[in-house]
């Protein structure tokens, strides 16, 4: 199990985004220790404009981890990246039309 600390604050939508992304890209279960920065002036000073910040057990920090590219590099360096999940996340969308689609009078119909 991967154990990480997450410096966060209440209502942080980027923190929620990061949590979901970590869960999707990690190759094993992740346990996050949430650290609320608003309760401590020193933490607000250090992390206020950087949250969300992930920290591994060695104290290595990753800010802006909600960017898939940055998070995947950080996870890969630690041997925690699920490469298949990353490929699925970053694959371009399938834009091929279904075989059963047809057009009539300029309108497209399925089935």
PDB file of N, CA and C in Angstrom:
ATOM      1  N   UNK A   1       0.836  -1.173   0.000  1.00  0.00           N
ATOM      2  CA  UNK A   1       0.000   0.000   0.000  1.00  0.00           C
ATOM      3  C   UNK A   1       0.888   1.248   0.000  1.00  0.00           C
ATOM      4  N   UNK A   2       0.505   2.193  -0.828  1.00  0.00           N
ATOM      5  CA  UNK A   2       1.221   3.460  -0.921  1.00  0.00           C
ATOM      6  C   UNK A   2       0.660   4.394   0.148  1.00  0.00           C
ATOM      7  N   UNK A   3       1.542   4.966   0.960  1.00  0.00           N
ATOM      8  CA  UNK A   3       1.113   5.904   1.988  1.00  0.00           C
ATOM      9  C   UNK A   3       1.685   7.284   1.676  1.00  0.00           C
ATOM     10  N   UNK A   4       0.787   8.240   1.493  1.00  0.00           N
ATOM     11  CA  UNK A   4       1.177   9.602   1.144  1.00  0.00           C
ATOM     12  C   UNK A   4       0.477  10.591   2.054  1.00  0.00           C
ATOM     13  N   UNK A   5       1.080  11.756   2.192  1.00  0.00           N
ATOM     14  CA  UNK A   5       0.436  12.870   2.875  1.00  0.00           C
ATOM     15  C   UNK A   5      -0.039  13.846   1.806  1.00  0.00           C
ATOM     16  N   UNK A   6      -1.175  14.467   2.070  1.00  0.00           N
ATOM     17  CA  UNK A   6      -1.734  15.454   1.151  1.00  0.00           C
ATOM     18  C   UNK A   6      -2.012  16.725   1.927  1.00  0.00           C
ATOM     19  N   UNK A   7      -1.257  17.778   1.590  1.00  0.00           N
ATOM     20  CA  UNK A   7      -1.509  19.097   2.177  1.00  0.00           C
ATOM     21  C   UNK A   7      -2.669  19.698   1.406  1.00  0.00           C
ATOM     22  N   UNK A   8      -3.715  20.072   2.123  1.00  0.00           N
ATOM     23  CA  UNK A   8      -4.965  20.464   1.508  1.00  0.00           C
ATOM     24  C   UNK A   8      -5.669  21.493   2.377  1.00  0.00           C
ATOM     25  N   UNK A   9      -6.820  21.937   1.916  1.00  0.00           N
ATOM     26  CA  UNK A   9      -7.703  22.770   2.720  1.00  0.00           C
ATOM     27  C   UNK A   9      -9.133  22.487   2.297  1.00  0.00           C
ATOM     28  N   UNK A  10     -10.065  22.774   3.182  1.00  0.00           N
ATOM     29  CA  UNK A  10     -11.463  22.471   2.918  1.00  0.00           C
ATOM     30  C   UNK A  10     -11.953  23.170   1.647  1.00  0.00           C
ATOM     31  N   UNK A  11     -12.658  22.430   0.815  1.00  0.00           N
ATOM     32  CA  UNK A  11     -13.235  23.004  -0.395  1.00  0.00           C
ATOM     33  C   UNK A  11     -12.272  23.099  -1.557  1.00  0.00           C
ATOM     34  N   UNK A  12     -11.111  22.498  -1.461  1.00  0.00           N
ATOM     35  CA  UNK A  12     -10.116  22.572  -2.532  1.00  0.00           C
ATOM     36  C   UNK A  12     -10.491  21.600  -3.649  1.00  0.00           C
ATOM     37  N   UNK A  13     -11.014  22.132  -4.757  1.00  0.00           N
ATOM     38  CA  UNK A  13     -11.422  21.260  -5.865  1.00  0.00           C
ATOM     39  C   UNK A  13     -10.218  20.618  -6.550  1.00  0.00           C
ATOM     40  N   UNK A  14      -9.077  21.282  -6.564  1.00  0.00           N
ATOM     41  CA  UNK A  14      -7.879  20.681  -7.158  1.00  0.00           C
ATOM     42  C   UNK A  14      -7.393  19.502  -6.318  1.00  0.00           C
ATOM     43  N   UNK A  15      -7.596  19.588  -5.009  1.00  0.00           N
ATOM     44  CA  UNK A  15      -7.219  18.483  -4.121  1.00  0.00           C
ATOM     45  C   UNK A  15      -8.074  17.257  -4.416  1.00  0.00           C
ATOM     46  N   UNK A  16      -9.365  17.473  -4.610  1.00  0.00           N
ATOM     47  CA  UNK A  16     -10.267  16.370  -4.960  1.00  0.00           C
ATOM     48  C   UNK A  16      -9.877  15.755  -6.295  1.00  0.00           C
ATOM     49  N   UNK A  17      -9.517  16.611  -7.237  1.00  0.00           N
ATOM     50  CA  UNK A  17      -9.086  16.143  -8.555  1.00  0.00           C
ATOM     51  C   UNK A  17      -7.816  15.302  -8.425  1.00  0.00           C
ATOM     52  N   UNK A  18      -6.879  15.755  -7.603  1.00  0.00           N
ATOM     53  CA  UNK A  18      -5.640  15.014  -7.399  1.00  0.00           C
ATOM     54  C   UNK A  18      -5.907  13.668  -6.749  1.00  0.00           C
ATOM     55  N   UNK A  19      -6.767  13.627  -5.747  1.00  0.00           N
ATOM     56  CA  UNK A  19      -7.087  12.364  -5.080  1.00  0.00           C
ATOM     57  C   UNK A  19      -7.614  11.337  -6.074  1.00  0.00           C
ATOM     58  N   UNK A  20      -8.528  11.751  -6.930  1.00  0.00           N
ATOM     59  CA  UNK A  20      -9.090  10.843  -7.934  1.00  0.00           C
ATOM     60  C   UNK A  20      -8.021  10.383  -8.919  1.00  0.00           C
ATOM     61  N   UNK A  21      -7.155  11.290  -9.311  1.00  0.00           N
ATOM     62  CA  UNK A  21      -6.102  10.961 -10.273  1.00  0.00           C
ATOM     63  C   UNK A  21      -5.082   9.997  -9.672  1.00  0.00           C
ATOM     64  N   UNK A  22      -4.708  10.210  -8.427  1.00  0.00           N
ATOM     65  CA  UNK A  22      -3.774   9.296  -7.747  1.00  0.00           C
ATOM     66  C   UNK A  22      -4.384   7.895  -7.686  1.00  0.00           C
ATOM     67  N   UNK A  23      -5.647   7.820  -7.297  1.00  0.00           N
ATOM     68  CA  UNK A  23      -6.318   6.521  -7.197  1.00  0.00           C
ATOM     69  C   UNK A  23      -6.374   5.826  -8.556  1.00  0.00           C
ATOM     70  N   UNK A  24      -6.577   6.590  -9.616  1.00  0.00           N
ATOM     71  CA  UNK A  24      -6.677   6.013 -10.959  1.00  0.00           C
ATOM     72  C   UNK A  24      -5.325   5.566 -11.511  1.00  0.00           C
ATOM     73  N   UNK A  25      -4.258   6.274 -11.180  1.00  0.00           N
ATOM     74  CA  UNK A  25      -2.954   5.999 -11.791  1.00  0.00           C
ATOM     75  C   UNK A  25      -2.024   5.126 -10.949  1.00  0.00           C
ATOM     76  N   UNK A  26      -2.311   4.937  -9.692  1.00  0.00           N
ATOM     77  CA  UNK A  26      -1.430   4.144  -8.829  1.00  0.00           C
ATOM     78  C   UNK A  26      -1.620   2.653  -9.114  1.00  0.00           C
ATOM     79  N   UNK A  27      -0.523   1.920  -9.028  1.00  0.00           N
ATOM     80  CA  UNK A  27      -0.566   0.489  -9.313  1.00  0.00           C
ATOM     81  C   UNK A  27      -0.918  -0.349  -8.082  1.00  0.00           C
ATOM     82  N   UNK A  28      -1.279   0.311  -7.000  1.00  0.00           N
ATOM     83  CA  UNK A  28      -1.719  -0.364  -5.782  1.00  0.00           C
ATOM     84  C   UNK A  28      -2.586   0.602  -4.990  1.00  0.00           C
ATOM     85  N   UNK A  29      -3.184   0.107  -3.930  1.00  0.00           N
ATOM     86  CA  UNK A  29      -4.068   0.937  -3.112  1.00  0.00           C
ATOM     87  C   UNK A  29      -3.271   2.086  -2.489  1.00  0.00           C
ATOM     88  N   UNK A  30      -3.934   3.253  -2.389  1.00  0.00           N
ATOM     89  CA  UNK A  30      -3.295   4.450  -1.847  1.00  0.00           C
ATOM     90  C   UNK A  30      -4.023   4.879  -0.577  1.00  0.00           C
ATOM     91  N   UNK A  31      -3.250   5.170   0.463  1.00  0.00           N
ATOM     92  CA  UNK A  31      -3.776   5.739   1.689  1.00  0.00           C
ATOM     93  C   UNK A  31      -3.240   7.157   1.778  1.00  0.00           C
ATOM     94  N   UNK A  32      -4.149   8.124   1.890  1.00  0.00           N
ATOM     95  CA  UNK A  32      -3.773   9.532   1.976  1.00  0.00           C
ATOM     96  C   UNK A  32      -4.027  10.072   3.373  1.00  0.00           C
ATOM     97  N   UNK A  33      -2.992  10.638   3.956  1.00  0.00           N
ATOM     98  CA  UNK A  33      -3.110  11.340   5.237  1.00  0.00           C
ATOM     99  C   UNK A  33      -3.334  12.812   4.901  1.00  0.00           C
ATOM    100  N   UNK A  34      -4.549  13.306   5.144  1.00  0.00           N
ATOM    101  CA  UNK A  34      -4.894  14.688   4.826  1.00  0.00           C
ATOM    102  C   UNK A  34      -4.398  15.618   5.933  1.00  0.00           C
ATOM    103  N   UNK A  35      -3.670  16.637   5.519  1.00  0.00           N
ATOM    104  CA  UNK A  35      -3.171  17.640   6.456  1.00  0.00           C
ATOM    105  C   UNK A  35      -3.814  18.972   6.088  1.00  0.00           C
ATOM    106  N   UNK A  36      -4.664  19.464   6.979  1.00  0.00           N
ATOM    107  CA  UNK A  36      -5.380  20.720   6.780  1.00  0.00           C
ATOM    108  C   UNK A  36      -4.437  21.874   7.090  1.00  0.00           C
ATOM    109  N   UNK A  37      -4.154  22.688   6.072  1.00  0.00           N
ATOM    110  CA  UNK A  37      -3.180  23.766   6.276  1.00  0.00           C
ATOM    111  C   UNK A  37      -3.771  24.982   6.960  1.00  0.00           C
ATOM    112  N   UNK A  38      -5.081  25.174   6.884  1.00  0.00           N
ATOM    113  CA  UNK A  38      -5.675  26.403   7.426  1.00  0.00           C
ATOM    114  C   UNK A  38      -5.601  26.479   8.953  1.00  0.00           C
ATOM    115  N   UNK A  39      -5.299  25.371   9.607  1.00  0.00           N
ATOM    116  CA  UNK A  39      -5.201  25.349  11.070  1.00  0.00           C
ATOM    117  C   UNK A  39      -3.840  25.798  11.585  1.00  0.00           C
ATOM    118  N   UNK A  40      -2.905  26.062  10.680  1.00  0.00           N
ATOM    119  CA  UNK A  40      -1.524  26.349  11.095  1.00  0.00           C
ATOM    120  C   UNK A  40      -0.943  27.437  10.196  1.00  0.00           C
ATOM    121  N   UNK A  41      -0.600  28.573  10.772  1.00  0.00           N
ATOM    122  CA  UNK A  41      -0.077  29.696   9.990  1.00  0.00           C
ATOM    123  C   UNK A  41       1.190  29.333   9.219  1.00  0.00           C
ATOM    124  N   UNK A  42       2.050  28.517   9.818  1.00  0.00           N
ATOM    125  CA  UNK A  42       3.285  28.117   9.135  1.00  0.00           C
ATOM    126  C   UNK A  42       2.975  27.268   7.909  1.00  0.00           C
ATOM    127  N   UNK A  43       1.974  26.397   8.004  1.00  0.00           N
ATOM    128  CA  UNK A  43       1.591  25.577   6.847  1.00  0.00           C
ATOM    129  C   UNK A  43       0.945  26.421   5.759  1.00  0.00           C
ATOM    130  N   UNK A  44       0.141  27.405   6.165  1.00  0.00           N
ATOM    131  CA  UNK A  44      -0.455  28.320   5.189  1.00  0.00           C
ATOM    132  C   UNK A  44       0.643  29.069   4.451  1.00  0.00           C
ATOM    133  N   UNK A  45       1.641  29.528   5.188  1.00  0.00           N
ATOM    134  CA  UNK A  45       2.765  30.245   4.574  1.00  0.00           C
ATOM    135  C   UNK A  45       3.518  29.351   3.591  1.00  0.00           C
ATOM    136  N   UNK A  46       3.753  28.108   3.975  1.00  0.00           N
ATOM    137  CA  UNK A  46       4.545  27.197   3.149  1.00  0.00           C
ATOM    138  C   UNK A  46       3.773  26.630   1.960  1.00  0.00           C
ATOM    139  N   UNK A  47       2.488  26.272   2.179  1.00  0.00           N
ATOM    140  CA  UNK A  47       1.737  25.542   1.155  1.00  0.00           C
ATOM    141  C   UNK A  47       0.555  26.296   0.563  1.00  0.00           C
ATOM    142  N   UNK A  48       0.240  27.460   1.093  1.00  0.00           N
ATOM    143  CA  UNK A  48      -0.973  28.171   0.710  1.00  0.00           C
ATOM    144  C   UNK A  48      -1.217  28.332  -0.773  1.00  0.00           C
ATOM    145  N   UNK A  49      -0.197  28.677  -1.529  1.00  0.00           N
ATOM    146  CA  UNK A  49      -0.374  28.866  -2.979  1.00  0.00           C
ATOM    147  C   UNK A  49       0.055  27.635  -3.767  1.00  0.00           C
ATOM    148  N   UNK A  50       0.466  26.574  -3.071  1.00  0.00           N
ATOM    149  CA  UNK A  50       0.970  25.381  -3.757  1.00  0.00           C
ATOM    150  C   UNK A  50       0.029  24.188  -3.683  1.00  0.00           C
ATOM    151  N   UNK A  51      -0.997  24.248  -2.823  1.00  0.00           N
ATOM    152  CA  UNK A  51      -1.838  23.062  -2.647  1.00  0.00           C
ATOM    153  C   UNK A  51      -2.573  22.729  -3.942  1.00  0.00           C
ATOM    154  N   UNK A  52      -2.815  21.480  -4.177  1.00  0.00           N
ATOM    155  CA  UNK A  52      -2.505  20.334  -3.336  1.00  0.00           C
ATOM    156  C   UNK A  52      -1.042  19.925  -3.462  1.00  0.00           C
ATOM    157  N   UNK A  53      -0.477  19.484  -2.364  1.00  0.00           N
ATOM    158  CA  UNK A  53       0.904  19.003  -2.352  1.00  0.00           C
ATOM    159  C   UNK A  53       0.910  17.585  -1.804  1.00  0.00           C
ATOM    160  N   UNK A  54       1.441  16.650  -2.597  1.00  0.00           N
ATOM    161  CA  UNK A  54       1.620  15.267  -2.164  1.00  0.00           C
ATOM    162  C   UNK A  54       3.012  15.116  -1.589  1.00  0.00           C
ATOM    163  N   UNK A  55       3.139  14.307  -0.541  1.00  0.00           N
ATOM    164  CA  UNK A  55       4.445  14.060   0.067  1.00  0.00           C
ATOM    165  C   UNK A  55       4.574  12.561   0.307  1.00  0.00           C
ATOM    166  N   UNK A  56       5.708  11.991  -0.149  1.00  0.00           N
ATOM    167  CA  UNK A  56       5.940  10.571   0.091  1.00  0.00           C
ATOM    168  C   UNK A  56       6.599  10.370   1.456  1.00  0.00           C
ATOM    169  N   UNK A  57       6.875   9.131   1.805  1.00  0.00           N
ATOM    170  CA  UNK A  57       7.406   8.818   3.135  1.00  0.00           C
ATOM    171  C   UNK A  57       8.811   9.370   3.365  1.00  0.00           C
ATOM    172  N   UNK A  58       9.508   9.735   2.300  1.00  0.00           N
ATOM    173  CA  UNK A  58      10.853  10.313   2.427  1.00  0.00           C
ATOM    174  C   UNK A  58      10.834  11.838   2.463  1.00  0.00           C
ATOM    175  N   UNK A  59       9.646  12.418   2.369  1.00  0.00           N
ATOM    176  CA  UNK A  59       9.528  13.870   2.413  1.00  0.00           C
ATOM    177  C   UNK A  59       9.612  14.541   1.058  1.00  0.00           C
ATOM    178  N   UNK A  60       9.647  13.762  -0.019  1.00  0.00           N
ATOM    179  CA  UNK A  60       9.680  14.338  -1.362  1.00  0.00           C
ATOM    180  C   UNK A  60       8.299  14.876  -1.716  1.00  0.00           C
ATOM    181  N   UNK A  61       8.251  16.130  -2.123  1.00  0.00           N
ATOM    182  CA  UNK A  61       6.985  16.801  -2.392  1.00  0.00           C
ATOM    183  C   UNK A  61       6.702  16.904  -3.884  1.00  0.00           C
ATOM    184  N   UNK A  62       5.416  16.895  -4.194  1.00  0.00           N
ATOM    185  CA  UNK A  62       4.953  17.166  -5.550  1.00  0.00           C
ATOM    186  C   UNK A  62       3.811  18.155  -5.453  1.00  0.00           C
ATOM    187  N   UNK A  63       4.034  19.366  -5.970  1.00  0.00           N
ATOM    188  CA  UNK A  63       2.921  20.304  -6.058  1.00  0.00           C
ATOM    189  C   UNK A  63       2.430  20.307  -7.502  1.00  0.00           C
ATOM    190  N   UNK A  64       1.227  20.788  -7.697  1.00  0.00           N
ATOM    191  CA  UNK A  64       0.550  20.740  -9.001  1.00  0.00           C
ATOM    192  C   UNK A  64       0.435  19.299  -9.504  1.00  0.00           C
ATOM    193  N   UNK A  65       0.245  18.357  -8.601  1.00  0.00           N
ATOM    194  CA  UNK A  65       0.120  16.954  -8.974  1.00  0.00           C
ATOM    195  C   UNK A  65      -1.173  16.627  -9.684  1.00  0.00           C
ATOM    196  N   UNK A  66      -2.097  17.589  -9.747  1.00  0.00           N
ATOM    197  CA  UNK A  66      -3.350  17.368 -10.459  1.00  0.00           C
ATOM    198  C   UNK A  66      -3.138  17.377 -11.970  1.00  0.00           C
ATOM    199  N   UNK A  67      -1.932  17.735 -12.427  1.00  0.00           N
ATOM    200  CA  UNK A  67      -1.585  17.646 -13.846  1.00  0.00           C
ATOM    201  C   UNK A  67      -1.109  16.215 -14.104  1.00  0.00           C
ATOM    202  N   UNK A  68      -1.830  15.449 -14.933  1.00  0.00           N
ATOM    203  CA  UNK A  68      -1.492  14.034 -15.134  1.00  0.00           C
ATOM    204  C   UNK A  68      -0.031  13.783 -15.520  1.00  0.00           C
ATOM    205  N   UNK A  69       0.547  14.671 -16.302  1.00  0.00           N
ATOM    206  CA  UNK A  69       1.937  14.479 -16.729  1.00  0.00           C
ATOM    207  C   UNK A  69       2.889  14.527 -15.538  1.00  0.00           C
ATOM    208  N   UNK A  70       2.699  15.513 -14.681  1.00  0.00           N
ATOM    209  CA  UNK A  70       3.579  15.663 -13.515  1.00  0.00           C
ATOM    210  C   UNK A  70       3.381  14.511 -12.531  1.00  0.00           C
ATOM    211  N   UNK A  71       2.136  14.151 -12.280  1.00  0.00           N
ATOM    212  CA  UNK A  71       1.860  13.069 -11.342  1.00  0.00           C
ATOM    213  C   UNK A  71       2.391  11.742 -11.853  1.00  0.00           C
ATOM    214  N   UNK A  72       2.225  11.475 -13.136  1.00  0.00           N
ATOM    215  CA  UNK A  72       2.684  10.189 -13.669  1.00  0.00           C
ATOM    216  C   UNK A  72       4.206  10.059 -13.592  1.00  0.00           C
ATOM    217  N   UNK A  73       4.925  11.132 -13.836  1.00  0.00           N
ATOM    218  CA  UNK A  73       6.388  11.095 -13.698  1.00  0.00           C
ATOM    219  C   UNK A  73       6.772  10.821 -12.251  1.00  0.00           C
ATOM    220  N   UNK A  74       6.112  11.500 -11.320  1.00  0.00           N
ATOM    221  CA  UNK A  74       6.400  11.344  -9.889  1.00  0.00           C
ATOM    222  C   UNK A  74       6.110   9.918  -9.431  1.00  0.00           C
ATOM    223  N   UNK A  75       4.975   9.380  -9.848  1.00  0.00           N
ATOM    224  CA  UNK A  75       4.634   8.003  -9.482  1.00  0.00           C
ATOM    225  C   UNK A  75       5.590   7.000 -10.136  1.00  0.00           C
ATOM    226  N   UNK A  76       5.941   7.228 -11.396  1.00  0.00           N
ATOM    227  CA  UNK A  76       6.852   6.319 -12.108  1.00  0.00           C
ATOM    228  C   UNK A  76       8.212   6.254 -11.415  1.00  0.00           C
ATOM    229  N   UNK A  77       8.736   7.397 -10.975  1.00  0.00           N
ATOM    230  CA  UNK A  77      10.035   7.439 -10.292  1.00  0.00           C
ATOM    231  C   UNK A  77      10.046   6.576  -9.039  1.00  0.00           C
ATOM    232  N   UNK A  78       8.886   6.357  -8.447  1.00  0.00           N
ATOM    233  CA  UNK A  78       8.783   5.579  -7.218  1.00  0.00           C
ATOM    234  C   UNK A  78       8.311   4.144  -7.470  1.00  0.00           C
ATOM    235  N   UNK A  79       8.082   3.792  -8.743  1.00  0.00           N
ATOM    236  CA  UNK A  79       7.615   2.455  -9.087  1.00  0.00           C
ATOM    237  C   UNK A  79       6.145   2.235  -8.784  1.00  0.00           C
ATOM    238  N   UNK A  80       5.354   3.320  -8.701  1.00  0.00           N
ATOM    239  CA  UNK A  80       3.953   3.230  -8.319  1.00  0.00           C
ATOM    240  C   UNK A  80       2.990   3.495  -9.462  1.00  0.00           C
ATOM    241  N   UNK A  81       3.471   3.703 -10.666  1.00  0.00           N
ATOM    242  CA  UNK A  81       2.597   4.082 -11.779  1.00  0.00           C
ATOM    243  C   UNK A  81       2.022   2.853 -12.472  1.00  0.00           C
ATOM    244  N   UNK A  82       0.724   2.872 -12.702  1.00  0.00           N
ATOM    245  CA  UNK A  82       0.048   1.871 -13.517  1.00  0.00           C
ATOM    246  C   UNK A  82       0.081   2.386 -14.956  1.00  0.00           C
ATOM    247  N   UNK A  83       1.003   1.851 -15.743  1.00  0.00           N
ATOM    248  CA  UNK A  83       1.216   2.335 -17.112  1.00  0.00           C
ATOM    249  C   UNK A  83      -0.018   2.135 -17.991  1.00  0.00           C
ATOM    250  N   UNK A  84      -0.745   1.039 -17.781  1.00  0.00           N
ATOM    251  CA  UNK A  84      -1.957   0.780 -18.566  1.00  0.00           C
ATOM    252  C   UNK A  84      -3.015   1.846 -18.269  1.00  0.00           C
ATOM    253  N   UNK A  85      -3.169   2.193 -17.008  1.00  0.00           N
ATOM    254  CA  UNK A  85      -4.125   3.232 -16.624  1.00  0.00           C
ATOM    255  C   UNK A  85      -3.731   4.582 -17.225  1.00  0.00           C
ATOM    256  N   UNK A  86      -2.429   4.875 -17.223  1.00  0.00           N
ATOM    257  CA  UNK A  86      -1.970   6.128 -17.821  1.00  0.00           C
ATOM    258  C   UNK A  86      -2.258   6.152 -19.314  1.00  0.00           C
ATOM    259  N   UNK A  87      -1.996   5.058 -20.000  1.00  0.00           N
ATOM    260  CA  UNK A  87      -2.260   4.996 -21.442  1.00  0.00           C
ATOM    261  C   UNK A  87      -3.743   5.196 -21.728  1.00  0.00           C
ATOM    262  N   UNK A  88      -4.598   4.590 -20.919  1.00  0.00           N
ATOM    263  CA  UNK A  88      -6.039   4.749 -21.114  1.00  0.00           C
ATOM    264  C   UNK A  88      -6.477   6.184 -20.856  1.00  0.00           C
ATOM    265  N   UNK A  89      -5.869   6.816 -19.860  1.00  0.00           N
ATOM    266  CA  UNK A  89      -6.225   8.187 -19.505  1.00  0.00           C
ATOM    267  C   UNK A  89      -5.783   9.188 -20.566  1.00  0.00           C
ATOM    268  N   UNK A  90      -4.643   8.938 -21.169  1.00  0.00           N
ATOM    269  CA  UNK A  90      -4.078   9.906 -22.111  1.00  0.00           C
ATOM    270  C   UNK A  90      -4.344   9.566 -23.576  1.00  0.00           C
ATOM    271  N   UNK A  91      -5.023   8.451 -23.844  1.00  0.00           N
ATOM    272  CA  UNK A  91      -5.319   8.069 -25.232  1.00  0.00           C
ATOM    273  C   UNK A  91      -6.286   9.074 -25.848  1.00  0.00           C
ATOM    274  N   UNK A  92      -6.079   9.380 -27.121  1.00  0.00           N
ATOM    275  CA  UNK A  92      -7.014  10.294 -27.777  1.00  0.00           C
ATOM    276  C   UNK A  92      -8.397   9.644 -27.861  1.00  0.00           C
ATOM    277  N   UNK A  93      -9.446  10.452 -27.855  1.00  0.00           N
ATOM    278  CA  UNK A  93     -10.795   9.890 -27.922  1.00  0.00           C
ATOM    279  C   UNK A  93     -11.039   9.189 -29.253  1.00  0.00           C
ATOM    280  N   UNK A  94     -11.847   8.158 -29.220  1.00  0.00           N
ATOM    281  CA  UNK A  94     -12.210   7.415 -30.431  1.00  0.00           C
ATOM    282  C   UNK A  94     -13.249   8.223 -31.189  1.00  0.00           C
ATOM    283  N   UNK A  95     -12.877   8.691 -32.389  1.00  0.00           N
ATOM    284  CA  UNK A  95     -13.780   9.531 -33.166  1.00  0.00           C
ATOM    285  C   UNK A  95     -14.405   8.794 -34.340  1.00  0.00           C
ATOM    286  N   UNK A  96     -14.191   7.487 -34.411  1.00  0.00           N
ATOM    287  CA  UNK A  96     -14.797   6.731 -35.497  1.00  0.00           C
ATOM    288  C   UNK A  96     -16.296   6.615 -35.271  1.00  0.00           C
ATOM    289  N   UNK A  97     -17.044   6.717 -36.358  1.00  0.00           N
ATOM    290  CA  UNK A  97     -18.494   6.626 -36.270  1.00  0.00           C
ATOM    291  C   UNK A  97     -18.913   5.165 -36.158  1.00  0.00           C
ATOM    292  N   UNK A  98     -19.989   4.899 -35.455  1.00  0.00           N
ATOM    293  CA  UNK A  98     -20.487   3.525 -35.386  1.00  0.00           C
ATOM    294  C   UNK A  98     -20.844   3.012 -36.770  1.00  0.00           C
ATOM    295  N   UNK A  99     -20.672   1.717 -36.970  1.00  0.00           N
ATOM    296  CA  UNK A  99     -20.966   1.112 -38.282  1.00  0.00           C
ATOM    297  C   UNK A  99     -22.431   1.247 -38.659  1.00  0.00           C
ATOM    298  N   UNK A 100     -23.295   1.317 -37.691  1.00  0.00           N
ATOM    299  CA  UNK A 100     -24.722   1.355 -37.989  1.00  0.00           C
ATOM    300  C   UNK A 100     -25.243   2.777 -38.202  1.00  0.00           C
ATOM    301  N   UNK A 101     -24.370   3.764 -38.216  1.00  0.00           N
ATOM    302  CA  UNK A 101     -24.811   5.137 -38.441  1.00  0.00           C
ATOM    303  C   UNK A 101     -25.058   5.373 -39.925  1.00  0.00           C
ATOM    304  N   UNK A 102     -26.082   6.163 -40.221  1.00  0.00           N
ATOM    305  CA  UNK A 102     -26.351   6.533 -41.615  1.00  0.00           C
ATOM    306  C   UNK A 102     -26.894   7.962 -41.651  1.00  0.00           C
ATOM    307  N   UNK A 103     -26.760   8.580 -42.789  1.00  0.00           N
ATOM    308  CA  UNK A 103     -27.242   9.950 -42.942  1.00  0.00           C
ATOM    309  C   UNK A 103     -28.411   9.984 -43.908  1.00  0.00           C
ATOM    310  N   UNK A 104     -29.345  10.863 -43.589  1.00  0.00           N
ATOM    311  CA  UNK A 104     -30.475  11.078 -44.472  1.00  0.00           C
ATOM    312  C   UNK A 104     -30.874  12.545 -44.342  1.00  0.00           C
ATOM    313  N   UNK A 105     -30.921  13.209 -45.472  1.00  0.00           N
ATOM    314  CA  UNK A 105     -31.279  14.634 -45.500  1.00  0.00           C
ATOM    315  C   UNK A 105     -30.395  15.473 -44.583  1.00  0.00           C
ATOM    316  N   UNK A 106     -29.097  15.123 -44.516  1.00  0.00           N
ATOM    317  CA  UNK A 106     -28.146  15.893 -43.736  1.00  0.00           C
ATOM    318  C   UNK A 106     -28.154  15.598 -42.246  1.00  0.00           C
ATOM    319  N   UNK A 107     -28.957  14.652 -41.824  1.00  0.00           N
ATOM    320  CA  UNK A 107     -29.021  14.283 -40.413  1.00  0.00           C
ATOM    321  C   UNK A 107     -28.468  12.896 -40.234  1.00  0.00           C
ATOM    322  N   UNK A 108     -27.753  12.681 -39.114  1.00  0.00           N
ATOM    323  CA  UNK A 108     -27.139  11.381 -38.855  1.00  0.00           C
ATOM    324  C   UNK A 108     -28.020  10.595 -37.877  1.00  0.00           C
ATOM    325  N   UNK A 109     -28.228   9.330 -38.213  1.00  0.00           N
ATOM    326  CA  UNK A 109     -29.052   8.446 -37.392  1.00  0.00           C
ATOM    327  C   UNK A 109     -28.235   7.239 -36.995  1.00  0.00           C
ATOM    328  N   UNK A 110     -28.488   6.723 -35.806  1.00  0.00           N
ATOM    329  CA  UNK A 110     -27.837   5.509 -35.325  1.00  0.00           C
ATOM    330  C   UNK A 110     -28.849   4.383 -35.365  1.00  0.00           C
ATOM    331  N   UNK A 111     -28.348   3.194 -35.706  1.00  0.00           N
ATOM    332  CA  UNK A 111     -29.214   2.015 -35.664  1.00  0.00           C
ATOM    333  C   UNK A 111     -29.831   1.645 -36.964  1.00  0.00           C
TER     334      UNK A 111
END
